[in-house]
Amino acid sequence: MYVTTPASYLFMRVLKQLVMDEKDNFAIVVANIVLQDVYLDDILTGCSNLKELQILKSELVQLCESVEMSLHRWCFSQSNSHLPDHQLDQLPEENTGKA
């Protein structure tokens, strides 16, 4: 949570500038997610399958790491699953595609 009102605005401005600066290095999907699916300090988006999620996570992490920002607390749920929601960071390495 941000202490001051302008902090969330500044965070969004930094993200937008980052996407504009790095647009040639990342998929258009990542840019669209950053521009359209961010609310305050959360990225709220969806994927068709777990493999797509792994790729998206990897690219978002790379994008943020390019300016020494870090992302954490990844969560996902599957609408067609009887299983509970999962913490992506807690899944085994081979299932998450972590570098």
C-alpha atoms as a PDB file:
ATOM      1  CA  MET A   1       0.000   0.000   0.000  1.00  0.00           C
ATOM      2  CA  TYR A   2       1.271   3.432  -0.857  1.00  0.00           C
ATOM      3  CA  VAL A   3       1.584   6.124   1.809  1.00  0.00           C
ATOM      4  CA  THR A   4       0.854   9.077  -0.466  1.00  0.00           C
ATOM      5  CA  THR A   5      -1.764   9.570  -3.151  1.00  0.00           C
ATOM      6  CA  PRO A   6       0.723  10.532  -5.891  1.00  0.00           C
ATOM      7  CA  ALA A   7       2.761   7.343  -5.323  1.00  0.00           C
ATOM      8  CA  SER A   8       0.336   5.094  -7.205  1.00  0.00           C
ATOM      9  CA  TYR A   9       0.163   7.609 -10.058  1.00  0.00           C
ATOM     10  CA  LEU A  10       3.961   7.735 -10.235  1.00  0.00           C
ATOM     11  CA  PHE A  11       4.166   3.937 -10.218  1.00  0.00           C
ATOM     12  CA  MET A  12       1.747   3.743 -13.162  1.00  0.00           C
ATOM     13  CA  ARG A  13       3.669   6.452 -15.007  1.00  0.00           C
ATOM     14  CA  VAL A  14       6.932   4.555 -14.531  1.00  0.00           C
ATOM     15  CA  LEU A  15       5.322   1.353 -15.845  1.00  0.00           C
ATOM     16  CA  LYS A  16       3.926   3.114 -18.903  1.00  0.00           C
ATOM     17  CA  GLN A  17       7.280   4.689 -19.678  1.00  0.00           C
ATOM     18  CA  LEU A  18       8.991   1.334 -19.209  1.00  0.00           C
ATOM     19  CA  VAL A  19       6.663  -0.261 -21.753  1.00  0.00           C
ATOM     20  CA  MET A  20       7.254   2.571 -24.214  1.00  0.00           C
ATOM     21  CA  ASP A  21      11.038   2.283 -23.804  1.00  0.00           C
ATOM     22  CA  GLU A  22      11.161  -1.526 -23.986  1.00  0.00           C
ATOM     23  CA  LYS A  23       8.377  -2.236 -26.504  1.00  0.00           C
ATOM     24  CA  ASP A  24      10.803  -3.656 -29.076  1.00  0.00           C
ATOM     25  CA  ASN A  25      12.234  -6.160 -26.580  1.00  0.00           C
ATOM     26  CA  PHE A  26       8.980  -7.764 -25.395  1.00  0.00           C
ATOM     27  CA  ALA A  27       5.820  -9.207 -26.869  1.00  0.00           C
ATOM     28  CA  ILE A  28       2.945  -6.832 -27.550  1.00  0.00           C
ATOM     29  CA  VAL A  29       0.876  -8.913 -25.116  1.00  0.00           C
ATOM     30  CA  VAL A  30       3.105  -7.863 -22.216  1.00  0.00           C
ATOM     31  CA  ALA A  31       2.832  -4.209 -23.173  1.00  0.00           C
ATOM     32  CA  ASN A  32      -0.949  -4.436 -23.396  1.00  0.00           C
ATOM     33  CA  ILE A  33      -1.163  -6.124 -20.002  1.00  0.00           C
ATOM     34  CA  VAL A  34       0.962  -3.440 -18.363  1.00  0.00           C
ATOM     35  CA  LEU A  35      -1.065  -0.676 -20.018  1.00  0.00           C
ATOM     36  CA  GLN A  36      -4.523  -2.168 -19.471  1.00  0.00           C
ATOM     37  CA  ASP A  37      -4.452  -4.722 -16.630  1.00  0.00           C
ATOM     38  CA  VAL A  38      -2.681  -2.856 -13.809  1.00  0.00           C
ATOM     39  CA  TYR A  39      -4.624  -1.398 -10.907  1.00  0.00           C
ATOM     40  CA  LEU A  40      -2.616   0.500  -8.281  1.00  0.00           C
ATOM     41  CA  ASP A  41       0.222  -1.982  -7.640  1.00  0.00           C
ATOM     42  CA  ASP A  42      -1.493  -5.165  -8.879  1.00  0.00           C
ATOM     43  CA  ILE A  43      -1.434  -6.811 -12.285  1.00  0.00           C
ATOM     44  CA  LEU A  44      -4.810  -8.470 -12.789  1.00  0.00           C
ATOM     45  CA  THR A  45      -4.956 -10.465 -16.002  1.00  0.00           C
ATOM     46  CA  GLY A  46      -5.898 -13.822 -17.416  1.00  0.00           C
ATOM     47  CA  CYS A  47      -4.410 -16.567 -19.543  1.00  0.00           C
ATOM     48  CA  SER A  48      -5.870 -19.457 -21.505  1.00  0.00           C
ATOM     49  CA  ASN A  49      -3.617 -22.097 -19.974  1.00  0.00           C
ATOM     50  CA  LEU A  50      -0.763 -22.675 -17.541  1.00  0.00           C
ATOM     51  CA  LYS A  51       1.908 -22.607 -20.267  1.00  0.00           C
ATOM     52  CA  GLU A  52       0.745 -19.147 -21.379  1.00  0.00           C
ATOM     53  CA  LEU A  53       0.865 -18.042 -17.739  1.00  0.00           C
ATOM     54  CA  GLN A  54       4.446 -19.275 -17.403  1.00  0.00           C
ATOM     55  CA  ILE A  55       5.533 -17.322 -20.488  1.00  0.00           C
ATOM     56  CA  LEU A  56       3.700 -14.197 -19.392  1.00  0.00           C
ATOM     57  CA  LYS A  57       5.199 -14.366 -15.909  1.00  0.00           C
ATOM     58  CA  SER A  58       8.689 -14.769 -17.318  1.00  0.00           C
ATOM     59  CA  GLU A  59       8.313 -11.782 -19.637  1.00  0.00           C
ATOM     60  CA  LEU A  60       6.785  -9.543 -16.959  1.00  0.00           C
ATOM     61  CA  VAL A  61       9.612 -10.419 -14.565  1.00  0.00           C
ATOM     62  CA  GLN A  62      12.221  -9.689 -17.252  1.00  0.00           C
ATOM     63  CA  LEU A  63      10.568  -6.369 -18.082  1.00  0.00           C
ATOM     64  CA  CYS A  64      10.565  -5.225 -14.463  1.00  0.00           C
ATOM     65  CA  GLU A  65      14.046  -6.542 -13.748  1.00  0.00           C
ATOM     66  CA  SER A  66      15.354  -4.416 -16.625  1.00  0.00           C
ATOM     67  CA  VAL A  67      14.830  -1.405 -14.311  1.00  0.00           C
ATOM     68  CA  GLU A  68      15.618  -3.260 -11.069  1.00  0.00           C
ATOM     69  CA  MET A  69      11.989  -3.633  -9.996  1.00  0.00           C
ATOM     70  CA  SER A  70      10.731  -6.949  -8.683  1.00  0.00           C
ATOM     71  CA  LEU A  71       7.379  -8.679  -8.844  1.00  0.00           C
ATOM     72  CA  HIS A  72       6.182 -11.075  -6.169  1.00  0.00           C
ATOM     73  CA  ARG A  73       3.162 -12.927  -4.793  1.00  0.00           C
ATOM     74  CA  TRP A  74       1.906 -14.622  -7.934  1.00  0.00           C
ATOM     75  CA  CYS A  75      -1.517 -16.239  -7.615  1.00  0.00           C
ATOM     76  CA  PHE A  76      -3.723 -18.042 -10.070  1.00  0.00           C
ATOM     77  CA  SER A  77      -6.923 -19.994 -10.185  1.00  0.00           C
ATOM     78  CA  GLN A  78      -8.372 -22.328 -12.762  1.00  0.00           C
ATOM     79  CA  SER A  79     -12.057 -21.964 -13.499  1.00  0.00           C
ATOM     80  CA  ASN A  80     -12.404 -25.501 -14.832  1.00  0.00           C
ATOM     81  CA  SER A  81     -10.646 -27.097 -11.888  1.00  0.00           C
ATOM     82  CA  HIS A  82     -12.021 -28.492  -8.656  1.00  0.00           C
ATOM     83  CA  LEU A  83      -8.710 -27.554  -7.023  1.00  0.00           C
ATOM     84  CA  PRO A  84      -8.323 -24.439  -4.836  1.00  0.00           C
ATOM     85  CA  ASP A  85      -6.466 -21.314  -5.975  1.00  0.00           C
ATOM     86  CA  HIS A  86      -2.693 -21.677  -6.057  1.00  0.00           C
ATOM     87  CA  GLN A  87       0.335 -19.602  -5.225  1.00  0.00           C
ATOM     88  CA  LEU A  88       2.462 -19.800  -8.368  1.00  0.00           C
ATOM     89  CA  ASP A  89       5.626 -19.229  -6.350  1.00  0.00           C
ATOM     90  CA  GLN A  90       4.890 -22.329  -4.250  1.00  0.00           C
ATOM     91  CA  LEU A  91       4.535 -24.777  -7.140  1.00  0.00           C
ATOM     92  CA  PRO A  92       7.469 -27.058  -8.004  1.00  0.00           C
ATOM     93  CA  GLU A  93      10.088 -25.499 -10.278  1.00  0.00           C
ATOM     94  CA  GLU A  94       9.177 -27.614 -13.312  1.00  0.00           C
ATOM     95  CA  ASN A  95       5.566 -26.406 -13.165  1.00  0.00           C
ATOM     96  CA  THR A  96       6.226 -22.679 -12.951  1.00  0.00           C
ATOM     97  CA  GLY A  97       8.875 -22.017 -15.546  1.00  0.00           C
ATOM     98  CA  LYS A  98      10.958 -19.975 -13.102  1.00  0.00           C
ATOM     99  CA  ALA A  99      14.406 -19.004 -14.278  1.00  0.00           C
END
